[in-house]
Amino acid sequence: MKEAAGEANMTVITIILIGIIAAIAIPLVQNAMSSSAKQGCCTNLGYQWNGGKCYSINSDGTRGAEVGVDQYWNESEKTCAHDISN
């Protein structure tokens, strides 16, 4: 009986630890995926992604002005702002 109680305690501790790890990891993964999606939208439209921001590219190939997030990202739908397939 003593072994069964110890095993049940370990199960509870394991479940709690899994919950804590999931609570920390899920927001980190979602943030990384959102950032990757924004980067893809930015570069697919011909801009340059640098330091978490999107920039235009000057005619000489240098980095230009920062592009507003609404020009490449639709925040409400979490998709690219422009359909580049057309």
PDB file of N, CA and C in Angstrom:
ATOM      1  N   MET A   1       0.825  -1.188   0.000  1.00  0.00           N
ATOM      2  CA  MET A   1       0.000   0.000   0.000  1.00  0.00           C
ATOM      3  C   MET A   1       0.872   1.255   0.000  1.00  0.00           C
ATOM      4  N   LYS A   2       1.973   1.184   0.731  1.00  0.00           N
ATOM      5  CA  LYS A   2       2.861   2.329   0.821  1.00  0.00           C
ATOM      6  C   LYS A   2       3.457   2.658  -0.555  1.00  0.00           C
ATOM      7  N   GLU A   3       3.790   1.643  -1.336  1.00  0.00           N
ATOM      8  CA  GLU A   3       4.342   1.859  -2.672  1.00  0.00           C
ATOM      9  C   GLU A   3       3.323   2.509  -3.594  1.00  0.00           C
ATOM     10  N   ALA A   4       2.073   2.103  -3.485  1.00  0.00           N
ATOM     11  CA  ALA A   4       1.012   2.667  -4.332  1.00  0.00           C
ATOM     12  C   ALA A   4       0.807   4.152  -4.019  1.00  0.00           C
ATOM     13  N   ALA A   5       0.870   4.516  -2.769  1.00  0.00           N
ATOM     14  CA  ALA A   5       0.710   5.919  -2.383  1.00  0.00           C
ATOM     15  C   ALA A   5       1.871   6.750  -2.918  1.00  0.00           C
ATOM     16  N   GLY A   6       3.068   6.214  -2.847  1.00  0.00           N
ATOM     17  CA  GLY A   6       4.245   6.911  -3.375  1.00  0.00           C
ATOM     18  C   GLY A   6       4.160   7.086  -4.874  1.00  0.00           C
ATOM     19  N   GLU A   7       3.672   6.070  -5.551  1.00  0.00           N
ATOM     20  CA  GLU A   7       3.516   6.149  -6.993  1.00  0.00           C
ATOM     21  C   GLU A   7       2.454   7.181  -7.380  1.00  0.00           C
ATOM     22  N   ALA A   8       1.371   7.226  -6.630  1.00  0.00           N
ATOM     23  CA  ALA A   8       0.313   8.209  -6.891  1.00  0.00           C
ATOM     24  C   ALA A   8       0.846   9.627  -6.683  1.00  0.00           C
ATOM     25  N   ASN A   9       1.661   9.815  -5.652  1.00  0.00           N
ATOM     26  CA  ASN A   9       2.258  11.133  -5.406  1.00  0.00           C
ATOM     27  C   ASN A   9       3.175  11.548  -6.560  1.00  0.00           C
ATOM     28  N   MET A  10       3.957  10.614  -7.059  1.00  0.00           N
ATOM     29  CA  MET A  10       4.841  10.903  -8.186  1.00  0.00           C
ATOM     30  C   MET A  10       4.036  11.253  -9.439  1.00  0.00           C
ATOM     31  N   THR A  11       2.913  10.582  -9.627  1.00  0.00           N
ATOM     32  CA  THR A  11       2.055  10.870 -10.775  1.00  0.00           C
ATOM     33  C   THR A  11       1.516  12.295 -10.683  1.00  0.00           C
ATOM     34  N   VAL A  12       1.069  12.688  -9.508  1.00  0.00           N
ATOM     35  CA  VAL A  12       0.550  14.046  -9.310  1.00  0.00           C
ATOM     36  C   VAL A  12       1.649  15.075  -9.556  1.00  0.00           C
ATOM     37  N   ILE A  13       2.826  14.834  -9.029  1.00  0.00           N
ATOM     38  CA  ILE A  13       3.951  15.754  -9.220  1.00  0.00           C
ATOM     39  C   ILE A  13       4.301  15.856 -10.703  1.00  0.00           C
ATOM     40  N   THR A  14       4.305  14.723 -11.398  1.00  0.00           N
ATOM     41  CA  THR A  14       4.605  14.718 -12.832  1.00  0.00           C
ATOM     42  C   THR A  14       3.584  15.528 -13.606  1.00  0.00           C
ATOM     43  N   ILE A  15       2.314  15.354 -13.310  1.00  0.00           N
ATOM     44  CA  ILE A  15       1.252  16.091 -13.998  1.00  0.00           C
ATOM     45  C   ILE A  15       1.384  17.591 -13.741  1.00  0.00           C
ATOM     46  N   ILE A  16       1.679  17.965 -12.520  1.00  0.00           N
ATOM     47  CA  ILE A  16       1.853  19.385 -12.194  1.00  0.00           C
ATOM     48  C   ILE A  16       3.044  19.966 -12.943  1.00  0.00           C
ATOM     49  N   LEU A  17       4.151  19.243 -12.988  1.00  0.00           N
ATOM     50  CA  LEU A  17       5.337  19.726 -13.708  1.00  0.00           C
ATOM     51  C   LEU A  17       5.070  19.865 -15.203  1.00  0.00           C
ATOM     52  N   ILE A  18       4.352  18.921 -15.784  1.00  0.00           N
ATOM     53  CA  ILE A  18       4.006  19.012 -17.200  1.00  0.00           C
ATOM     54  C   ILE A  18       3.152  20.254 -17.448  1.00  0.00           C
ATOM     55  N   GLY A  19       2.218  20.516 -16.557  1.00  0.00           N
ATOM     56  CA  GLY A  19       1.375  21.708 -16.690  1.00  0.00           C
ATOM     57  C   GLY A  19       2.175  22.996 -16.614  1.00  0.00           C
ATOM     58  N   ILE A  20       3.122  23.048 -15.691  1.00  0.00           N
ATOM     59  CA  ILE A  20       3.965  24.240 -15.542  1.00  0.00           C
ATOM     60  C   ILE A  20       4.825  24.447 -16.781  1.00  0.00           C
ATOM     61  N   ILE A  21       5.437  23.389 -17.274  1.00  0.00           N
ATOM     62  CA  ILE A  21       6.278  23.489 -18.471  1.00  0.00           C
ATOM     63  C   ILE A  21       5.440  23.922 -19.675  1.00  0.00           C
ATOM     64  N   ALA A  22       4.246  23.355 -19.822  1.00  0.00           N
ATOM     65  CA  ALA A  22       3.369  23.735 -20.937  1.00  0.00           C
ATOM     66  C   ALA A  22       2.954  25.196 -20.833  1.00  0.00           C
ATOM     67  N   ALA A  23       2.678  25.665 -19.620  1.00  0.00           N
ATOM     68  CA  ALA A  23       2.267  27.061 -19.432  1.00  0.00           C
ATOM     69  C   ALA A  23       3.380  28.034 -19.820  1.00  0.00           C
ATOM     70  N   ILE A  24       4.616  27.615 -19.678  1.00  0.00           N
ATOM     71  CA  ILE A  24       5.755  28.457 -20.044  1.00  0.00           C
ATOM     72  C   ILE A  24       6.088  28.313 -21.526  1.00  0.00           C
ATOM     73  N   ALA A  25       6.057  27.087 -22.037  1.00  0.00           N
ATOM     74  CA  ALA A  25       6.508  26.824 -23.400  1.00  0.00           C
ATOM     75  C   ALA A  25       5.521  27.283 -24.469  1.00  0.00           C
ATOM     76  N   ILE A  26       4.227  27.141 -24.242  1.00  0.00           N
ATOM     77  CA  ILE A  26       3.242  27.461 -25.278  1.00  0.00           C
ATOM     78  C   ILE A  26       3.331  28.922 -25.722  1.00  0.00           C
ATOM     79  N   PRO A  27       3.363  29.896 -24.811  1.00  0.00           N
ATOM     80  CA  PRO A  27       3.493  31.286 -25.280  1.00  0.00           C
ATOM     81  C   PRO A  27       4.802  31.551 -26.029  1.00  0.00           C
ATOM     82  N   LEU A  28       5.891  30.907 -25.609  1.00  0.00           N
ATOM     83  CA  LEU A  28       7.165  31.091 -26.300  1.00  0.00           C
ATOM     84  C   LEU A  28       7.097  30.573 -27.733  1.00  0.00           C
ATOM     85  N   VAL A  29       6.501  29.411 -27.911  1.00  0.00           N
ATOM     86  CA  VAL A  29       6.378  28.818 -29.244  1.00  0.00           C
ATOM     87  C   VAL A  29       5.443  29.660 -30.117  1.00  0.00           C
ATOM     88  N   GLN A  30       4.328  30.113 -29.555  1.00  0.00           N
ATOM     89  CA  GLN A  30       3.398  30.940 -30.324  1.00  0.00           C
ATOM     90  C   GLN A  30       4.069  32.240 -30.764  1.00  0.00           C
ATOM     91  N   ASN A  31       4.841  32.849 -29.897  1.00  0.00           N
ATOM     92  CA  ASN A  31       5.547  34.081 -30.243  1.00  0.00           C
ATOM     93  C   ASN A  31       6.559  33.837 -31.361  1.00  0.00           C
ATOM     94  N   ALA A  32       7.282  32.741 -31.268  1.00  0.00           N
ATOM     95  CA  ALA A  32       8.272  32.423 -32.301  1.00  0.00           C
ATOM     96  C   ALA A  32       7.598  32.159 -33.645  1.00  0.00           C
ATOM     97  N   MET A  33       6.476  31.467 -33.632  1.00  0.00           N
ATOM     98  CA  MET A  33       5.769  31.172 -34.878  1.00  0.00           C
ATOM     99  C   MET A  33       5.198  32.450 -35.496  1.00  0.00           C
ATOM    100  N   SER A  34       4.673  33.331 -34.669  1.00  0.00           N
ATOM    101  CA  SER A  34       4.135  34.595 -35.174  1.00  0.00           C
ATOM    102  C   SER A  34       5.249  35.437 -35.789  1.00  0.00           C
ATOM    103  N   SER A  35       6.387  35.486 -35.134  1.00  0.00           N
ATOM    104  CA  SER A  35       7.515  36.243 -35.651  1.00  0.00           C
ATOM    105  C   SER A  35       8.009  35.662 -36.975  1.00  0.00           C
ATOM    106  N   SER A  36       8.044  34.342 -37.077  1.00  0.00           N
ATOM    107  CA  SER A  36       8.466  33.695 -38.323  1.00  0.00           C
ATOM    108  C   SER A  36       7.487  33.981 -39.447  1.00  0.00           C
ATOM    109  N   ALA A  37       6.203  33.975 -39.144  1.00  0.00           N
ATOM    110  CA  ALA A  37       5.190  34.268 -40.156  1.00  0.00           C
ATOM    111  C   ALA A  37       5.321  35.708 -40.645  1.00  0.00           C
ATOM    112  N   LYS A  38       5.522  36.642 -39.714  1.00  0.00           N
ATOM    113  CA  LYS A  38       5.701  38.047 -40.093  1.00  0.00           C
ATOM    114  C   LYS A  38       6.948  38.214 -40.963  1.00  0.00           C
ATOM    115  N   GLN A  39       8.013  37.527 -40.596  1.00  0.00           N
ATOM    116  CA  GLN A  39       9.246  37.604 -41.365  1.00  0.00           C
ATOM    117  C   GLN A  39       9.023  37.096 -42.782  1.00  0.00           C
ATOM    118  N   GLY A  40       8.300  35.987 -42.913  1.00  0.00           N
ATOM    119  CA  GLY A  40       8.009  35.442 -44.237  1.00  0.00           C
ATOM    120  C   GLY A  40       7.193  36.399 -45.085  1.00  0.00           C
ATOM    121  N   CYS A  41       6.179  37.023 -44.490  1.00  0.00           N
ATOM    122  CA  CYS A  41       5.359  37.990 -45.227  1.00  0.00           C
ATOM    123  C   CYS A  41       6.194  39.183 -45.684  1.00  0.00           C
ATOM    124  N   CYS A  42       7.034  39.656 -44.806  1.00  0.00           N
ATOM    125  CA  CYS A  42       7.894  40.802 -45.116  1.00  0.00           C
ATOM    126  C   CYS A  42       8.823  40.486 -46.289  1.00  0.00           C
ATOM    127  N   THR A  43       9.540  39.394 -46.204  1.00  0.00           N
ATOM    128  CA  THR A  43      10.516  39.067 -47.249  1.00  0.00           C
ATOM    129  C   THR A  43       9.842  38.652 -48.555  1.00  0.00           C
ATOM    130  N   ASN A  44       8.671  38.020 -48.475  1.00  0.00           N
ATOM    131  CA  ASN A  44       7.967  37.636 -49.704  1.00  0.00           C
ATOM    132  C   ASN A  44       7.477  38.852 -50.487  1.00  0.00           C
ATOM    133  N   LEU A  45       7.285  39.958 -49.817  1.00  0.00           N
ATOM    134  CA  LEU A  45       6.868  41.187 -50.497  1.00  0.00           C
ATOM    135  C   LEU A  45       8.060  42.010 -50.993  1.00  0.00           C
ATOM    136  N   GLY A  46       9.270  41.470 -50.819  1.00  0.00           N
ATOM    137  CA  GLY A  46      10.459  42.140 -51.337  1.00  0.00           C
ATOM    138  C   GLY A  46      11.137  43.069 -50.354  1.00  0.00           C
ATOM    139  N   TYR A  47      10.726  43.010 -49.096  1.00  0.00           N
ATOM    140  CA  TYR A  47      11.355  43.830 -48.077  1.00  0.00           C
ATOM    141  C   TYR A  47      12.462  43.041 -47.387  1.00  0.00           C
ATOM    142  N   GLN A  48      13.114  43.669 -46.424  1.00  0.00           N
ATOM    143  CA  GLN A  48      14.203  43.028 -45.681  1.00  0.00           C
ATOM    144  C   GLN A  48      13.824  42.962 -44.201  1.00  0.00           C
ATOM    145  N   TRP A  49      13.987  41.796 -43.587  1.00  0.00           N
ATOM    146  CA  TRP A  49      13.687  41.592 -42.167  1.00  0.00           C
ATOM    147  C   TRP A  49      14.996  41.710 -41.395  1.00  0.00           C
ATOM    148  N   ASN A  50      15.007  42.575 -40.375  1.00  0.00           N
ATOM    149  CA  ASN A  50      16.220  42.747 -39.586  1.00  0.00           C
ATOM    150  C   ASN A  50      15.830  43.155 -38.168  1.00  0.00           C
ATOM    151  N   GLY A  51      16.260  42.401 -37.202  1.00  0.00           N
ATOM    152  CA  GLY A  51      16.028  42.742 -35.804  1.00  0.00           C
ATOM    153  C   GLY A  51      14.558  42.775 -35.411  1.00  0.00           C
ATOM    154  N   GLY A  52      13.761  41.941 -36.027  1.00  0.00           N
ATOM    155  CA  GLY A  52      12.345  41.881 -35.693  1.00  0.00           C
ATOM    156  C   GLY A  52      11.500  42.954 -36.347  1.00  0.00           C
ATOM    157  N   LYS A  53      12.062  43.664 -37.316  1.00  0.00           N
ATOM    158  CA  LYS A  53      11.336  44.714 -38.032  1.00  0.00           C
ATOM    159  C   LYS A  53      11.535  44.548 -39.535  1.00  0.00           C
ATOM    160  N   CYS A  54      10.602  45.101 -40.272  1.00  0.00           N
ATOM    161  CA  CYS A  54      10.618  45.007 -41.728  1.00  0.00           C
ATOM    162  C   CYS A  54      11.063  46.339 -42.323  1.00  0.00           C
ATOM    163  N   TYR A  55      11.981  46.278 -43.287  1.00  0.00           N
ATOM    164  CA  TYR A  55      12.524  47.486 -43.910  1.00  0.00           C
ATOM    165  C   TYR A  55      12.430  47.388 -45.426  1.00  0.00           C
ATOM    166  N   SER A  56      12.261  48.544 -46.052  1.00  0.00           N
ATOM    167  CA  SER A  56      12.317  48.589 -47.508  1.00  0.00           C
ATOM    168  C   SER A  56      13.785  48.460 -47.925  1.00  0.00           C
ATOM    169  N   ILE A  57      13.984  48.203 -49.204  1.00  0.00           N
ATOM    170  CA  ILE A  57      15.351  48.091 -49.725  1.00  0.00           C
ATOM    171  C   ILE A  57      15.544  49.210 -50.751  1.00  0.00           C
ATOM    172  N   ASN A  58      16.584  49.988 -50.553  1.00  0.00           N
ATOM    173  CA  ASN A  58      16.886  51.089 -51.474  1.00  0.00           C
ATOM    174  C   ASN A  58      17.368  50.540 -52.813  1.00  0.00           C
ATOM    175  N   SER A  59      17.374  51.383 -53.822  1.00  0.00           N
ATOM    176  CA  SER A  59      17.786  50.961 -55.166  1.00  0.00           C
ATOM    177  C   SER A  59      19.232  50.472 -55.203  1.00  0.00           C
ATOM    178  N   ASP A  60      20.062  50.945 -54.275  1.00  0.00           N
ATOM    179  CA  ASP A  60      21.453  50.487 -54.241  1.00  0.00           C
ATOM    180  C   ASP A  60      21.634  49.239 -53.371  1.00  0.00           C
ATOM    181  N   GLY A  61      20.530  48.679 -52.879  1.00  0.00           N
ATOM    182  CA  GLY A  61      20.585  47.441 -52.107  1.00  0.00           C
ATOM    183  C   GLY A  61      20.739  47.626 -50.614  1.00  0.00           C
ATOM    184  N   THR A  62      20.848  48.851 -50.156  1.00  0.00           N
ATOM    185  CA  THR A  62      20.974  49.098 -48.720  1.00  0.00           C
ATOM    186  C   THR A  62      19.598  49.135 -48.065  1.00  0.00           C
ATOM    187  N   ARG A  63      19.607  48.997 -46.761  1.00  0.00           N
ATOM    188  CA  ARG A  63      18.354  49.013 -46.006  1.00  0.00           C
ATOM    189  C   ARG A  63      17.756  50.403 -46.000  1.00  0.00           C
ATOM    190  N   GLY A  64      16.453  50.452 -46.293  1.00  0.00           N
ATOM    191  CA  GLY A  64      15.754  51.727 -46.328  1.00  0.00           C
ATOM    192  C   GLY A  64      14.954  51.953 -45.055  1.00  0.00           C
ATOM    193  N   ALA A  65      13.837  52.624 -45.208  1.00  0.00           N
ATOM    194  CA  ALA A  65      12.986  52.987 -44.075  1.00  0.00           C
ATOM    195  C   ALA A  65      12.210  51.779 -43.554  1.00  0.00           C
ATOM    196  N   GLU A  66      11.836  51.864 -42.298  1.00  0.00           N
ATOM    197  CA  GLU A  66      11.035  50.793 -41.699  1.00  0.00           C
ATOM    198  C   GLU A  66       9.645  50.792 -42.337  1.00  0.00           C
ATOM    199  N   VAL A  67       9.159  49.593 -42.631  1.00  0.00           N
ATOM    200  CA  VAL A  67       7.844  49.417 -43.234  1.00  0.00           C
ATOM    201  C   VAL A  67       6.840  49.182 -42.111  1.00  0.00           C
ATOM    202  N   GLY A  68       5.707  49.854 -42.173  1.00  0.00           N
ATOM    203  CA  GLY A  68       4.671  49.665 -41.163  1.00  0.00           C
ATOM    204  C   GLY A  68       4.145  48.237 -41.173  1.00  0.00           C
ATOM    205  N   VAL A  69       3.910  47.703 -39.998  1.00  0.00           N
ATOM    206  CA  VAL A  69       3.482  46.308 -39.885  1.00  0.00           C
ATOM    207  C   VAL A  69       2.181  46.053 -40.645  1.00  0.00           C
ATOM    208  N   ASP A  70       1.329  47.038 -40.739  1.00  0.00           N
ATOM    209  CA  ASP A  70       0.058  46.855 -41.444  1.00  0.00           C
ATOM    210  C   ASP A  70       0.239  46.726 -42.954  1.00  0.00           C
ATOM    211  N   GLN A  71       1.406  47.027 -43.470  1.00  0.00           N
ATOM    212  CA  GLN A  71       1.668  46.893 -44.902  1.00  0.00           C
ATOM    213  C   GLN A  71       1.993  45.461 -45.303  1.00  0.00           C
ATOM    214  N   TYR A  72       2.409  44.630 -44.351  1.00  0.00           N
ATOM    215  CA  TYR A  72       2.744  43.246 -44.686  1.00  0.00           C
ATOM    216  C   TYR A  72       2.049  42.221 -43.802  1.00  0.00           C
ATOM    217  N   TRP A  73       1.398  42.625 -42.702  1.00  0.00           N
ATOM    218  CA  TRP A  73       0.806  41.690 -41.745  1.00  0.00           C
ATOM    219  C   TRP A  73      -0.608  42.115 -41.378  1.00  0.00           C
ATOM    220  N   ASN A  74      -1.551  41.175 -41.441  1.00  0.00           N
ATOM    221  CA  ASN A  74      -2.928  41.413 -41.031  1.00  0.00           C
ATOM    222  C   ASN A  74      -3.082  40.851 -39.625  1.00  0.00           C
ATOM    223  N   GLU A  75      -3.054  41.717 -38.631  1.00  0.00           N
ATOM    224  CA  GLU A  75      -3.050  41.285 -37.224  1.00  0.00           C
ATOM    225  C   GLU A  75      -4.333  40.564 -36.834  1.00  0.00           C
ATOM    226  N   SER A  76      -5.471  40.996 -37.359  1.00  0.00           N
ATOM    227  CA  SER A  76      -6.744  40.374 -36.951  1.00  0.00           C
ATOM    228  C   SER A  76      -6.870  38.944 -37.462  1.00  0.00           C
ATOM    229  N   GLU A  77      -6.324  38.671 -38.649  1.00  0.00           N
ATOM    230  CA  GLU A  77      -6.409  37.319 -39.219  1.00  0.00           C
ATOM    231  C   GLU A  77      -5.122  36.523 -39.053  1.00  0.00           C
ATOM    232  N   LYS A  78      -4.078  37.171 -38.563  1.00  0.00           N
ATOM    233  CA  LYS A  78      -2.760  36.542 -38.389  1.00  0.00           C
ATOM    234  C   LYS A  78      -2.253  35.939 -39.698  1.00  0.00           C
ATOM    235  N   THR A  79      -2.377  36.729 -40.777  1.00  0.00           N
ATOM    236  CA  THR A  79      -1.924  36.308 -42.101  1.00  0.00           C
ATOM    237  C   THR A  79      -1.211  37.478 -42.766  1.00  0.00           C
ATOM    238  N   CYS A  80      -0.622  37.204 -43.930  1.00  0.00           N
ATOM    239  CA  CYS A  80       0.001  38.270 -44.702  1.00  0.00           C
ATOM    240  C   CYS A  80      -1.064  39.267 -45.143  1.00  0.00           C
ATOM    241  N   ALA A  81      -0.709  40.521 -45.142  1.00  0.00           N
ATOM    242  CA  ALA A  81      -1.663  41.583 -45.491  1.00  0.00           C
ATOM    243  C   ALA A  81      -1.998  41.565 -46.971  1.00  0.00           C
ATOM    244  N   HIS A  82      -1.077  41.147 -47.808  1.00  0.00           N
ATOM    245  CA  HIS A  82      -1.292  41.135 -49.255  1.00  0.00           C
ATOM    246  C   HIS A  82      -1.155  39.727 -49.776  1.00  0.00           C
ATOM    247  N   ASP A  83      -2.033  39.365 -50.671  1.00  0.00           N
ATOM    248  CA  ASP A  83      -1.947  38.059 -51.322  1.00  0.00           C
ATOM    249  C   ASP A  83      -0.930  38.172 -52.445  1.00  0.00           C
ATOM    250  N   ILE A  84       0.213  37.536 -52.295  1.00  0.00           N
ATOM    251  CA  ILE A  84       1.280  37.654 -53.278  1.00  0.00           C
ATOM    252  C   ILE A  84       1.155  36.631 -54.400  1.00  0.00           C
ATOM    253  N   SER A  85       0.134  35.773 -54.348  1.00  0.00           N
ATOM    254  CA  SER A  85      -0.007  34.736 -55.372  1.00  0.00           C
ATOM    255  C   SER A  85      -0.604  35.276 -56.660  1.00  0.00           C
ATOM    256  N   ASN A  86      -1.197  36.468 -56.628  1.00  0.00           N
ATOM    257  CA  ASN A  86      -1.838  37.033 -57.837  1.00  0.00           C
ATOM    258  C   ASN A  86      -0.867  37.900 -58.610  1.00  0.00           C
TER     259      ASN A  86
END
